[in-house]
Amino acid sequence: MTTANDQLPVDNLLTRAKIGLFVVGSLLLLPVLIPYVLVTESWNERRLRAALRRTACITCGNLLTEKALERVQNEAEESRQAMDRGNTAVRYRMMPRPYIAMCTVCGQAYKWVRERNLLEPVPAEVVAEYTQRQQARAAQATQGEALYPA
């Protein structure tokens, strides 16, 4: 008659075999996955920039440029640095931005709809709410309070 103790070594062996297969499979897939991710990311970046170049601002009518992307990236970097200045020992979760580009003339925000490869305007309320949350997080970080400790 078999008991529960007799089955443990077999279960342990199966678990080790599954882990081993997973590790070997992952190592075999890495040479394929890494180039795939790099090419896909590069392709998406090109598509975004092409959509940006053909989009005119709905508020002021100016064509969006590379500076529209840079403006948002600079704001995100400044926000991150403000949080780092407050407490360098604490790591913070990055909040996803509700927009990816901002018009350099009027400040209208746009999000990228990847499926349709176009930029859509983001309501001003969403941008204002996001900005307020970022400013509150930066203010709390400068006071040394940990919002989201790692």
N, C-alpha and C. Protein backbone atom coordinates (compact mmCIF):
# COMPACT_ATOMS: atom_id res chain seq x y z
N MET A 1 0.83 -1.17 0.00
CA MET A 1 0.00 0.00 0.00
C MET A 1 0.88 1.24 0.00
N THR A 2 0.53 2.23 -0.81
CA THR A 2 1.32 3.46 -0.87
C THR A 2 0.77 4.49 0.10
N THR A 3 1.68 5.21 0.68
CA THR A 3 1.30 6.28 1.60
C THR A 3 1.68 7.62 0.98
N ALA A 4 1.31 8.66 1.68
CA ALA A 4 1.62 10.01 1.19
C ALA A 4 3.12 10.24 1.15
N ASN A 5 3.85 9.63 2.07
CA ASN A 5 5.30 9.81 2.10
C ASN A 5 5.98 9.14 0.92
N ASP A 6 5.41 8.07 0.40
CA ASP A 6 6.01 7.38 -0.76
C ASP A 6 5.89 8.22 -2.03
N GLN A 7 4.90 9.10 -2.13
CA GLN A 7 4.69 9.89 -3.34
C GLN A 7 5.48 11.19 -3.35
N LEU A 8 5.98 11.62 -2.23
CA LEU A 8 6.71 12.89 -2.18
C LEU A 8 7.93 12.92 -3.08
N PRO A 9 8.79 11.92 -3.08
CA PRO A 9 9.96 12.00 -3.97
C PRO A 9 9.58 12.09 -5.44
N VAL A 10 8.52 11.42 -5.86
CA VAL A 10 8.10 11.48 -7.26
C VAL A 10 7.59 12.87 -7.59
N ASP A 11 6.75 13.44 -6.71
CA ASP A 11 6.26 14.79 -6.93
C ASP A 11 7.40 15.79 -6.97
N ASN A 12 8.36 15.61 -6.08
CA ASN A 12 9.52 16.48 -6.04
C ASN A 12 10.32 16.38 -7.33
N LEU A 13 10.45 15.16 -7.83
CA LEU A 13 11.18 14.94 -9.07
C LEU A 13 10.45 15.59 -10.25
N LEU A 14 9.12 15.47 -10.29
CA LEU A 14 8.34 16.10 -11.36
C LEU A 14 8.45 17.62 -11.29
N THR A 15 8.41 18.16 -10.09
CA THR A 15 8.53 19.61 -9.93
C THR A 15 9.89 20.09 -10.41
N ARG A 16 10.94 19.37 -10.05
CA ARG A 16 12.28 19.74 -10.52
C ARG A 16 12.40 19.62 -12.03
N ALA A 17 11.77 18.62 -12.61
CA ALA A 17 11.82 18.45 -14.06
C ALA A 17 11.10 19.62 -14.76
N LYS A 18 9.96 20.03 -14.20
CA LYS A 18 9.22 21.15 -14.78
C LYS A 18 10.04 22.44 -14.70
N ILE A 19 10.66 22.65 -13.58
CA ILE A 19 11.49 23.85 -13.43
C ILE A 19 12.67 23.79 -14.39
N GLY A 20 13.28 22.64 -14.50
CA GLY A 20 14.40 22.49 -15.43
C GLY A 20 13.99 22.75 -16.87
N LEU A 21 12.84 22.21 -17.27
CA LEU A 21 12.35 22.45 -18.63
C LEU A 21 12.05 23.93 -18.86
N PHE A 22 11.49 24.58 -17.85
CA PHE A 22 11.20 26.01 -17.96
C PHE A 22 12.49 26.81 -18.13
N VAL A 23 13.51 26.51 -17.35
CA VAL A 23 14.78 27.23 -17.44
C VAL A 23 15.43 26.99 -18.80
N VAL A 24 15.48 25.75 -19.24
CA VAL A 24 16.09 25.44 -20.54
C VAL A 24 15.30 26.10 -21.67
N GLY A 25 13.97 26.04 -21.60
CA GLY A 25 13.13 26.67 -22.62
C GLY A 25 13.33 28.18 -22.66
N SER A 26 13.44 28.78 -21.48
CA SER A 26 13.67 30.23 -21.43
C SER A 26 15.00 30.59 -22.04
N LEU A 27 16.02 29.83 -21.73
CA LEU A 27 17.34 30.11 -22.30
C LEU A 27 17.36 29.93 -23.81
N LEU A 28 16.62 28.95 -24.29
CA LEU A 28 16.56 28.75 -25.74
C LEU A 28 15.77 29.85 -26.44
N LEU A 29 14.78 30.41 -25.76
CA LEU A 29 13.96 31.45 -26.38
C LEU A 29 14.57 32.84 -26.30
N LEU A 30 15.50 33.06 -25.40
CA LEU A 30 16.10 34.39 -25.25
C LEU A 30 16.71 34.93 -26.55
N PRO A 31 17.46 34.12 -27.31
CA PRO A 31 18.02 34.67 -28.56
C PRO A 31 16.95 35.09 -29.57
N VAL A 32 15.75 34.61 -29.42
CA VAL A 32 14.66 35.01 -30.31
C VAL A 32 13.88 36.18 -29.71
N LEU A 33 13.63 36.13 -28.40
CA LEU A 33 12.79 37.14 -27.77
C LEU A 33 13.46 38.51 -27.69
N ILE A 34 14.74 38.56 -27.40
CA ILE A 34 15.42 39.85 -27.27
C ILE A 34 15.41 40.63 -28.58
N PRO A 35 15.80 40.04 -29.70
CA PRO A 35 15.71 40.80 -30.97
C PRO A 35 14.26 41.17 -31.32
N TYR A 36 13.32 40.28 -31.01
CA TYR A 36 11.91 40.57 -31.28
C TYR A 36 11.46 41.82 -30.52
N VAL A 37 11.79 41.89 -29.25
CA VAL A 37 11.40 43.04 -28.43
C VAL A 37 12.06 44.32 -28.95
N LEU A 38 13.34 44.23 -29.31
CA LEU A 38 14.05 45.41 -29.81
C LEU A 38 13.45 45.91 -31.13
N VAL A 39 13.17 44.99 -32.02
CA VAL A 39 12.59 45.37 -33.32
C VAL A 39 11.18 45.93 -33.14
N THR A 40 10.38 45.29 -32.30
CA THR A 40 9.01 45.76 -32.08
C THR A 40 9.01 47.15 -31.45
N GLU A 41 9.88 47.37 -30.48
CA GLU A 41 9.95 48.69 -29.83
C GLU A 41 10.38 49.76 -30.83
N SER A 42 11.36 49.44 -31.66
CA SER A 42 11.83 50.38 -32.68
C SER A 42 10.71 50.68 -33.68
N TRP A 43 9.98 49.66 -34.07
CA TRP A 43 8.90 49.83 -35.03
C TRP A 43 7.79 50.71 -34.43
N ASN A 44 7.44 50.46 -33.17
CA ASN A 44 6.41 51.28 -32.52
C ASN A 44 6.86 52.73 -32.38
N GLU A 45 8.14 52.94 -32.10
CA GLU A 45 8.66 54.31 -31.99
C GLU A 45 8.55 55.04 -33.34
N ARG A 46 8.86 54.35 -34.42
CA ARG A 46 8.73 54.95 -35.75
C ARG A 46 7.28 55.27 -36.08
N ARG A 47 6.39 54.35 -35.75
CA ARG A 47 4.96 54.57 -36.00
C ARG A 47 4.45 55.77 -35.21
N LEU A 48 4.89 55.88 -33.95
CA LEU A 48 4.48 57.01 -33.12
C LEU A 48 4.96 58.32 -33.72
N ARG A 49 6.22 58.36 -34.12
CA ARG A 49 6.77 59.60 -34.69
C ARG A 49 6.09 59.95 -36.02
N ALA A 50 5.74 58.95 -36.81
CA ALA A 50 5.02 59.22 -38.07
C ALA A 50 3.63 59.77 -37.78
N ALA A 51 2.96 59.21 -36.78
CA ALA A 51 1.63 59.72 -36.40
C ALA A 51 1.75 61.14 -35.86
N LEU A 52 2.82 61.41 -35.15
CA LEU A 52 3.05 62.74 -34.59
C LEU A 52 3.22 63.77 -35.70
N ARG A 53 4.01 63.43 -36.71
CA ARG A 53 4.29 64.37 -37.79
C ARG A 53 3.06 64.72 -38.62
N ARG A 54 2.09 63.82 -38.68
CA ARG A 54 0.92 64.10 -39.51
C ARG A 54 -0.29 64.60 -38.70
N THR A 55 -0.08 64.88 -37.41
CA THR A 55 -1.18 65.34 -36.56
C THR A 55 -1.07 66.84 -36.33
N ALA A 56 -2.16 67.53 -36.57
CA ALA A 56 -2.25 68.96 -36.28
C ALA A 56 -3.00 69.13 -34.96
N CYS A 57 -2.59 70.09 -34.18
CA CYS A 57 -3.23 70.36 -32.89
C CYS A 57 -4.68 70.79 -33.12
N ILE A 58 -5.59 70.24 -32.35
CA ILE A 58 -7.01 70.59 -32.53
C ILE A 58 -7.32 71.96 -31.95
N THR A 59 -6.46 72.47 -31.07
CA THR A 59 -6.72 73.76 -30.44
C THR A 59 -6.15 74.91 -31.26
N CYS A 60 -4.86 74.81 -31.62
CA CYS A 60 -4.21 75.95 -32.29
C CYS A 60 -3.90 75.68 -33.76
N GLY A 61 -3.97 74.44 -34.21
CA GLY A 61 -3.75 74.12 -35.62
C GLY A 61 -2.31 73.87 -36.01
N ASN A 62 -1.36 74.03 -35.10
CA ASN A 62 0.05 73.77 -35.43
C ASN A 62 0.30 72.27 -35.58
N LEU A 63 1.22 71.93 -36.47
CA LEU A 63 1.63 70.53 -36.58
C LEU A 63 2.51 70.18 -35.38
N LEU A 64 2.27 68.99 -34.84
CA LEU A 64 3.08 68.54 -33.71
C LEU A 64 4.45 68.14 -34.20
N THR A 65 5.46 68.38 -33.39
CA THR A 65 6.84 68.06 -33.76
C THR A 65 7.45 67.14 -32.70
N GLU A 66 8.72 66.83 -32.90
CA GLU A 66 9.45 66.00 -31.93
C GLU A 66 9.48 66.67 -30.56
N LYS A 67 9.42 68.00 -30.54
CA LYS A 67 9.45 68.72 -29.27
C LYS A 67 8.22 68.41 -28.43
N ALA A 68 7.12 68.01 -29.06
CA ALA A 68 5.91 67.64 -28.31
C ALA A 68 6.17 66.40 -27.45
N LEU A 69 6.92 65.45 -28.00
CA LEU A 69 7.30 64.26 -27.22
C LEU A 69 8.33 64.62 -26.16
N GLU A 70 9.31 65.42 -26.54
CA GLU A 70 10.38 65.79 -25.61
C GLU A 70 9.83 66.55 -24.41
N ARG A 71 8.82 67.38 -24.65
CA ARG A 71 8.24 68.16 -23.55
C ARG A 71 7.68 67.24 -22.46
N VAL A 72 6.95 66.21 -22.87
CA VAL A 72 6.36 65.29 -21.90
C VAL A 72 7.46 64.47 -21.23
N GLN A 73 8.46 64.03 -21.98
CA GLN A 73 9.55 63.26 -21.39
C GLN A 73 10.33 64.09 -20.39
N ASN A 74 10.55 65.37 -20.70
CA ASN A 74 11.27 66.25 -19.77
C ASN A 74 10.46 66.47 -18.50
N GLU A 75 9.15 66.65 -18.63
CA GLU A 75 8.30 66.82 -17.45
C GLU A 75 8.35 65.58 -16.57
N ALA A 76 8.30 64.41 -17.18
CA ALA A 76 8.35 63.17 -16.40
C ALA A 76 9.70 63.03 -15.70
N GLU A 77 10.77 63.39 -16.39
CA GLU A 77 12.10 63.31 -15.80
C GLU A 77 12.25 64.29 -14.64
N GLU A 78 11.73 65.51 -14.80
CA GLU A 78 11.79 66.49 -13.72
C GLU A 78 11.00 66.02 -12.50
N SER A 79 9.84 65.41 -12.74
CA SER A 79 9.03 64.90 -11.64
C SER A 79 9.76 63.79 -10.91
N ARG A 80 10.38 62.89 -11.66
CA ARG A 80 11.13 61.80 -11.04
C ARG A 80 12.31 62.33 -10.23
N GLN A 81 13.00 63.32 -10.78
CA GLN A 81 14.14 63.90 -10.06
C GLN A 81 13.69 64.62 -8.80
N ALA A 82 12.53 65.28 -8.85
CA ALA A 82 12.01 65.95 -7.65
C ALA A 82 11.73 64.94 -6.55
N MET A 83 11.19 63.79 -6.91
CA MET A 83 10.94 62.76 -5.91
C MET A 83 12.25 62.18 -5.39
N ASP A 84 13.24 62.02 -6.27
CA ASP A 84 14.53 61.49 -5.84
C ASP A 84 15.25 62.45 -4.91
N ARG A 85 15.12 63.75 -5.16
CA ARG A 85 15.78 64.74 -4.31
C ARG A 85 15.27 64.67 -2.88
N GLY A 86 14.00 64.36 -2.72
CA GLY A 86 13.40 64.33 -1.40
C GLY A 86 13.94 63.21 -0.54
N ASN A 87 14.07 62.03 -1.09
CA ASN A 87 14.52 60.90 -0.31
C ASN A 87 15.14 59.88 -1.26
N THR A 88 16.44 59.83 -1.30
CA THR A 88 17.13 58.96 -2.25
C THR A 88 17.10 57.50 -1.84
N ALA A 89 16.75 57.22 -0.58
CA ALA A 89 16.74 55.83 -0.12
C ALA A 89 15.43 55.12 -0.46
N VAL A 90 14.44 55.86 -0.93
CA VAL A 90 13.14 55.28 -1.21
C VAL A 90 12.93 55.24 -2.72
N ARG A 91 12.42 54.11 -3.18
CA ARG A 91 12.10 53.99 -4.60
C ARG A 91 10.59 54.15 -4.76
N TYR A 92 10.18 54.84 -5.81
CA TYR A 92 8.78 55.12 -6.04
C TYR A 92 8.29 54.40 -7.28
N ARG A 93 7.02 54.02 -7.24
CA ARG A 93 6.41 53.45 -8.44
C ARG A 93 6.14 54.59 -9.41
N MET A 94 6.42 54.34 -10.65
CA MET A 94 6.15 55.35 -11.66
C MET A 94 4.68 55.27 -12.05
N MET A 95 4.03 56.41 -12.11
CA MET A 95 2.63 56.45 -12.51
C MET A 95 2.57 56.53 -14.02
N PRO A 96 1.71 55.74 -14.65
CA PRO A 96 1.60 55.83 -16.10
C PRO A 96 1.01 57.18 -16.50
N ARG A 97 1.59 57.78 -17.52
CA ARG A 97 1.10 59.07 -18.00
C ARG A 97 -0.15 58.85 -18.84
N PRO A 98 -1.15 59.70 -18.67
CA PRO A 98 -2.36 59.56 -19.49
C PRO A 98 -2.16 60.14 -20.90
N TYR A 99 -1.01 60.74 -21.15
CA TYR A 99 -0.76 61.33 -22.47
C TYR A 99 0.71 61.11 -22.83
N ILE A 100 0.99 61.23 -24.13
CA ILE A 100 2.35 60.94 -24.60
C ILE A 100 3.00 62.15 -25.27
N ALA A 101 2.18 63.11 -25.69
CA ALA A 101 2.72 64.31 -26.35
C ALA A 101 1.87 65.52 -25.96
N MET A 102 2.53 66.70 -25.98
CA MET A 102 1.83 67.96 -25.70
C MET A 102 2.22 68.98 -26.74
N CYS A 103 1.24 69.71 -27.22
CA CYS A 103 1.50 70.78 -28.18
C CYS A 103 2.42 71.80 -27.53
N THR A 104 3.46 72.21 -28.25
CA THR A 104 4.42 73.16 -27.68
C THR A 104 3.87 74.58 -27.66
N VAL A 105 2.80 74.85 -28.41
CA VAL A 105 2.24 76.20 -28.46
C VAL A 105 1.14 76.39 -27.40
N CYS A 106 0.14 75.50 -27.41
CA CYS A 106 -1.02 75.70 -26.53
C CYS A 106 -1.09 74.73 -25.35
N GLY A 107 -0.32 73.65 -25.38
CA GLY A 107 -0.31 72.71 -24.25
C GLY A 107 -1.35 71.61 -24.33
N GLN A 108 -2.04 71.46 -25.45
CA GLN A 108 -3.03 70.39 -25.60
C GLN A 108 -2.30 69.04 -25.56
N ALA A 109 -2.81 68.13 -24.73
CA ALA A 109 -2.18 66.82 -24.57
C ALA A 109 -2.81 65.80 -25.52
N TYR A 110 -2.00 64.82 -25.93
CA TYR A 110 -2.45 63.78 -26.85
C TYR A 110 -1.98 62.43 -26.35
N LYS A 111 -2.82 61.42 -26.57
CA LYS A 111 -2.43 60.04 -26.29
C LYS A 111 -2.33 59.30 -27.62
N TRP A 112 -1.49 58.27 -27.64
CA TRP A 112 -1.29 57.51 -28.87
C TRP A 112 -2.16 56.27 -28.81
N VAL A 113 -3.01 56.10 -29.82
CA VAL A 113 -3.82 54.90 -29.96
C VAL A 113 -3.08 53.99 -30.93
N ARG A 114 -2.41 53.01 -30.38
CA ARG A 114 -1.52 52.16 -31.17
C ARG A 114 -2.26 51.38 -32.25
N GLU A 115 -3.47 50.90 -31.92
CA GLU A 115 -4.21 50.07 -32.88
C GLU A 115 -4.56 50.84 -34.15
N ARG A 116 -4.86 52.12 -33.99
CA ARG A 116 -5.22 52.94 -35.16
C ARG A 116 -4.08 53.82 -35.63
N ASN A 117 -2.97 53.82 -34.90
CA ASN A 117 -1.78 54.60 -35.22
C ASN A 117 -2.10 56.08 -35.41
N LEU A 118 -2.76 56.66 -34.40
CA LEU A 118 -3.04 58.08 -34.45
C LEU A 118 -3.02 58.65 -33.03
N LEU A 119 -2.89 59.97 -32.99
CA LEU A 119 -2.89 60.67 -31.71
C LEU A 119 -4.27 61.26 -31.47
N GLU A 120 -4.82 61.00 -30.28
CA GLU A 120 -6.12 61.54 -29.90
C GLU A 120 -5.93 62.53 -28.77
N PRO A 121 -6.73 63.60 -28.75
CA PRO A 121 -6.60 64.58 -27.67
C PRO A 121 -7.06 64.00 -26.34
N VAL A 122 -6.40 64.45 -25.28
CA VAL A 122 -6.75 64.05 -23.92
C VAL A 122 -7.49 65.22 -23.28
N PRO A 123 -8.61 64.97 -22.60
CA PRO A 123 -9.33 66.07 -21.95
C PRO A 123 -8.46 66.81 -20.94
N ALA A 124 -8.66 68.09 -20.84
CA ALA A 124 -7.86 68.92 -19.94
C ALA A 124 -8.01 68.49 -18.49
N GLU A 125 -9.18 67.96 -18.12
CA GLU A 125 -9.39 67.52 -16.73
C GLU A 125 -8.45 66.38 -16.37
N VAL A 126 -8.23 65.47 -17.31
CA VAL A 126 -7.35 64.34 -17.06
C VAL A 126 -5.92 64.83 -16.85
N VAL A 127 -5.49 65.76 -17.68
CA VAL A 127 -4.14 66.32 -17.55
C VAL A 127 -4.00 67.05 -16.23
N ALA A 128 -5.00 67.84 -15.86
CA ALA A 128 -4.95 68.60 -14.60
C ALA A 128 -4.89 67.66 -13.40
N GLU A 129 -5.69 66.60 -13.42
CA GLU A 129 -5.69 65.64 -12.31
C GLU A 129 -4.33 64.95 -12.20
N TYR A 130 -3.78 64.54 -13.33
CA TYR A 130 -2.47 63.88 -13.32
C TYR A 130 -1.40 64.83 -12.80
N THR A 131 -1.44 66.08 -13.25
CA THR A 131 -0.45 67.07 -12.80
C THR A 131 -0.56 67.30 -11.30
N GLN A 132 -1.77 67.40 -10.79
CA GLN A 132 -1.95 67.60 -9.34
C GLN A 132 -1.40 66.41 -8.55
N ARG A 133 -1.67 65.20 -9.03
CA ARG A 133 -1.15 64.02 -8.32
C ARG A 133 0.37 64.00 -8.33
N GLN A 134 0.97 64.36 -9.48
CA GLN A 134 2.42 64.38 -9.57
C GLN A 134 3.01 65.44 -8.64
N GLN A 135 2.39 66.61 -8.60
CA GLN A 135 2.90 67.67 -7.73
C GLN A 135 2.76 67.27 -6.26
N ALA A 136 1.65 66.62 -5.91
CA ALA A 136 1.47 66.18 -4.52
C ALA A 136 2.51 65.13 -4.15
N ARG A 137 2.78 64.23 -5.06
CA ARG A 137 3.80 63.20 -4.78
C ARG A 137 5.16 63.84 -4.63
N ALA A 138 5.48 64.80 -5.49
CA ALA A 138 6.79 65.47 -5.41
C ALA A 138 6.90 66.26 -4.11
N ALA A 139 5.81 66.92 -3.70
CA ALA A 139 5.84 67.69 -2.45
C ALA A 139 6.04 66.78 -1.25
N GLN A 140 5.36 65.65 -1.24
CA GLN A 140 5.52 64.72 -0.13
C GLN A 140 6.91 64.09 -0.14
N ALA A 141 7.44 63.86 -1.32
CA ALA A 141 8.78 63.28 -1.41
C ALA A 141 9.83 64.25 -0.88
N THR A 142 9.65 65.54 -1.15
CA THR A 142 10.62 66.52 -0.67
C THR A 142 10.54 66.67 0.84
N GLN A 143 9.41 66.32 1.44
CA GLN A 143 9.27 66.36 2.89
C GLN A 143 9.83 65.09 3.53
N GLY A 144 10.28 64.14 2.70
CA GLY A 144 10.89 62.93 3.22
C GLY A 144 9.91 61.82 3.51
N GLU A 145 8.66 61.97 3.11
CA GLU A 145 7.68 60.93 3.35
C GLU A 145 7.72 59.93 2.20
N ALA A 146 7.64 58.66 2.54
CA ALA A 146 7.67 57.62 1.53
C ALA A 146 6.24 57.31 1.11
N LEU A 147 5.92 57.61 -0.16
CA LEU A 147 4.57 57.31 -0.65
C LEU A 147 4.42 55.84 -0.96
N TYR A 148 5.35 55.32 -1.73
CA TYR A 148 5.29 53.92 -2.15
C TYR A 148 6.66 53.30 -1.91
N PRO A 149 6.98 52.89 -0.73
CA PRO A 149 8.29 52.30 -0.51
C PRO A 149 8.42 51.00 -1.27
N ALA A 150 9.59 50.74 -1.77
CA ALA A 150 9.82 49.54 -2.56
C ALA A 150 9.91 48.32 -1.68
